[in-house]
Amino acid sequence: MNSVETGSDVPWWLEAGPETCPFCQRRFHAEAGYYCVSCDRPLCCFCVLEQWETRSAICPDCREEVQP
């Protein structure tokens, strides 16, 4: 289903989906989400932090553990 079929101007990946982010409780589509490379928890696009050195996604909890 696309935005033309639903009559919405918002792309499908920005609409609420069946998954819930454990950090912010936003609903998102699993296809548009991320998984933390350290703990493998699902993340929405608003909570993901990218490690520029390794170009990998990390969650807020694991980021706190990695920072000095």
Protein backbone atom coordinates (compact mmCIF):
# COMPACT_ATOMS: atom_id res chain seq x y z
CA MET A 1 0.00 0.00 0.00
CA ASN A 2 1.41 3.40 -0.88
CA SER A 3 0.53 6.99 -0.01
CA VAL A 4 -1.58 7.36 -3.17
CA GLU A 5 -3.73 4.36 -2.19
CA THR A 6 -4.26 5.61 1.37
CA GLY A 7 -4.82 9.24 0.41
CA SER A 8 -2.02 10.36 2.71
CA ASP A 9 0.80 12.73 1.83
CA VAL A 10 3.07 11.01 4.35
CA PRO A 11 5.28 8.16 3.06
CA TRP A 12 4.35 4.73 4.50
CA TRP A 13 7.64 4.40 6.40
CA LEU A 14 6.86 7.54 8.43
CA GLU A 15 3.36 6.40 9.41
CA ALA A 16 2.73 4.46 12.60
CA GLY A 17 3.35 0.75 12.15
CA PRO A 18 3.00 -2.47 14.14
CA GLU A 19 6.39 -2.24 15.95
CA THR A 20 7.01 -0.13 19.07
CA CYS A 21 10.35 1.49 19.81
CA PRO A 22 11.47 0.45 23.32
CA PHE A 23 13.06 3.86 23.90
CA CYS A 24 10.47 6.44 22.83
CA GLN A 25 7.36 4.22 22.43
CA ARG A 26 6.75 5.49 18.88
CA ARG A 27 5.15 3.03 16.51
CA PHE A 28 7.09 2.25 13.34
CA HIS A 29 7.38 -0.26 10.51
CA ALA A 30 10.05 -2.93 11.01
CA GLU A 31 11.18 -2.44 7.41
CA ALA A 32 12.05 1.18 8.20
CA GLY A 33 13.65 0.53 11.58
CA TYR A 34 17.13 -0.24 12.76
CA TYR A 35 18.69 -2.82 15.07
CA CYS A 36 21.46 -2.04 17.53
CA VAL A 37 24.72 -3.77 16.60
CA SER A 38 25.56 -4.32 20.29
CA CYS A 39 22.30 -5.59 21.82
CA ASP A 40 20.14 -6.29 18.71
CA ARG A 41 17.17 -4.32 20.05
CA PRO A 42 14.87 -2.68 17.48
CA LEU A 43 15.04 1.11 17.12
CA CYS A 44 12.98 3.71 15.31
CA CYS A 45 14.61 6.28 13.05
CA PHE A 46 14.30 8.93 15.78
CA CYS A 47 16.26 7.02 18.45
CA VAL A 48 19.04 5.46 16.41
CA LEU A 49 22.55 6.82 16.88
CA GLU A 50 25.09 6.19 14.17
CA GLN A 51 28.70 5.45 14.98
CA TRP A 52 30.52 7.30 12.22
CA GLU A 53 33.74 5.35 12.64
CA THR A 54 32.08 2.01 11.89
CA ARG A 55 28.94 3.27 10.10
CA SER A 56 26.78 1.13 12.39
CA ALA A 57 23.55 1.78 14.30
CA ILE A 58 23.56 1.79 18.08
CA CYS A 59 20.82 2.34 20.67
CA PRO A 60 20.90 5.09 23.33
CA ASP A 61 21.66 2.59 26.15
CA CYS A 62 24.64 1.03 24.37
CA ARG A 63 25.91 4.46 23.35
CA GLU A 64 26.10 5.45 27.03
CA GLU A 65 28.14 2.31 27.76
CA VAL A 66 30.58 3.03 24.91
CA GLN A 67 31.21 6.71 25.72
CA PRO A 68 34.17 7.38 28.03
